[in-house]
C-alpha atoms as a PDB file:
ATOM      1  CA  UNK A   1      21.989  10.607 -52.776  1.00  0.00           C
ATOM      2  CA  UNK A   2      20.395   7.058 -53.263  1.00  0.00           C
ATOM      3  CA  UNK A   3      22.909   5.311 -51.239  1.00  0.00           C
ATOM      4  CA  UNK A   4      22.155   7.854 -48.616  1.00  0.00           C
ATOM      5  CA  UNK A   5      18.704   6.740 -48.143  1.00  0.00           C
ATOM      6  CA  UNK A   6      19.176   3.085 -48.402  1.00  0.00           C
ATOM      7  CA  UNK A   7      21.725   4.185 -45.550  1.00  0.00           C
ATOM      8  CA  UNK A   8      19.082   5.613 -43.547  1.00  0.00           C
ATOM      9  CA  UNK A   9      16.720   2.991 -43.749  1.00  0.00           C
ATOM     10  CA  UNK A  10      19.225   0.684 -42.852  1.00  0.00           C
ATOM     11  CA  UNK A  11      20.390   2.293 -39.445  1.00  0.00           C
ATOM     12  CA  UNK A  12      16.113   2.801 -38.774  1.00  0.00           C
ATOM     13  CA  UNK A  13      15.891  -0.906 -39.160  1.00  0.00           C
ATOM     14  CA  UNK A  14      18.970  -1.573 -37.197  1.00  0.00           C
ATOM     15  CA  UNK A  15      17.448   0.782 -34.526  1.00  0.00           C
ATOM     16  CA  UNK A  16      13.792  -1.217 -34.810  1.00  0.00           C
ATOM     17  CA  UNK A  17      15.481  -4.688 -34.267  1.00  0.00           C
ATOM     18  CA  UNK A  18      16.459  -4.567 -30.319  1.00  0.00           C
ATOM     19  CA  UNK A  19      13.089  -3.908 -29.467  1.00  0.00           C
ATOM     20  CA  UNK A  20      11.754  -6.611 -31.784  1.00  0.00           C
ATOM     21  CA  UNK A  21      13.379  -9.111 -30.171  1.00  0.00           C
ATOM     22  CA  UNK A  22      13.165  -8.062 -26.629  1.00  0.00           C
ATOM     23  CA  UNK A  23       9.709  -6.875 -26.664  1.00  0.00           C
ATOM     24  CA  UNK A  24       8.445  -8.987 -29.791  1.00  0.00           C
ATOM     25  CA  UNK A  25       7.044  -5.422 -31.504  1.00  0.00           C
ATOM     26  CA  UNK A  26       8.382  -3.378 -33.995  1.00  0.00           C
ATOM     27  CA  UNK A  27       6.649  -0.430 -32.005  1.00  0.00           C
ATOM     28  CA  UNK A  28       4.663   1.005 -35.025  1.00  0.00           C
ATOM     29  CA  UNK A  29       5.465  -1.572 -37.503  1.00  0.00           C
ATOM     30  CA  UNK A  30       8.257   0.783 -39.034  1.00  0.00           C
ATOM     31  CA  UNK A  31      10.672  -2.136 -40.422  1.00  0.00           C
ATOM     32  CA  UNK A  32       8.416  -2.845 -43.250  1.00  0.00           C
ATOM     33  CA  UNK A  33       7.911  -0.083 -44.868  1.00  0.00           C
ATOM     34  CA  UNK A  34      11.928   0.884 -44.531  1.00  0.00           C
ATOM     35  CA  UNK A  35      12.515  -2.576 -46.082  1.00  0.00           C
ATOM     36  CA  UNK A  36      10.540  -1.612 -49.142  1.00  0.00           C
ATOM     37  CA  UNK A  37      11.350   1.755 -49.804  1.00  0.00           C
ATOM     38  CA  UNK A  38      15.032   0.433 -49.656  1.00  0.00           C
ATOM     39  CA  UNK A  39      14.210  -2.238 -52.193  1.00  0.00           C
ATOM     40  CA  UNK A  40      12.887   0.426 -54.216  1.00  0.00           C
ATOM     41  CA  UNK A  41      15.699   2.611 -54.146  1.00  0.00           C
ATOM     42  CA  UNK A  42      17.750  -0.160 -55.191  1.00  0.00           C
ATOM     43  CA  UNK A  43      15.310  -1.319 -58.378  1.00  0.00           C
ATOM     44  CA  UNK A  44      13.694   1.489 -59.738  1.00  0.00           C
ATOM     45  CA  UNK A  45      14.447   3.397 -62.777  1.00  0.00           C
ATOM     46  CA  UNK A  46      12.704   6.400 -61.666  1.00  0.00           C
ATOM     47  CA  UNK A  47      15.094   6.791 -58.587  1.00  0.00           C
ATOM     48  CA  UNK A  48      18.179   6.069 -61.287  1.00  0.00           C
ATOM     49  CA  UNK A  49      16.933   8.761 -63.814  1.00  0.00           C
ATOM     50  CA  UNK A  50      16.440  11.318 -60.969  1.00  0.00           C
ATOM     51  CA  UNK A  51      20.308  11.070 -59.300  1.00  0.00           C
ATOM     52  CA  UNK A  52      22.348  11.284 -62.294  1.00  0.00           C
ATOM     53  CA  UNK A  53      25.826  12.674 -62.468  1.00  0.00           C
END
């Protein structure tokens, strides 16, 4: 499940990159929160403890 969320946030970032490069805006600033959530899902002990087999 964490891999799915990381993938979703990565897709979100990639979908906002053309807007960032063309217009110089992030369209509400959704890139930074996505990066922070990705880092949280990678580094968090709580996420690792929640999603166990």
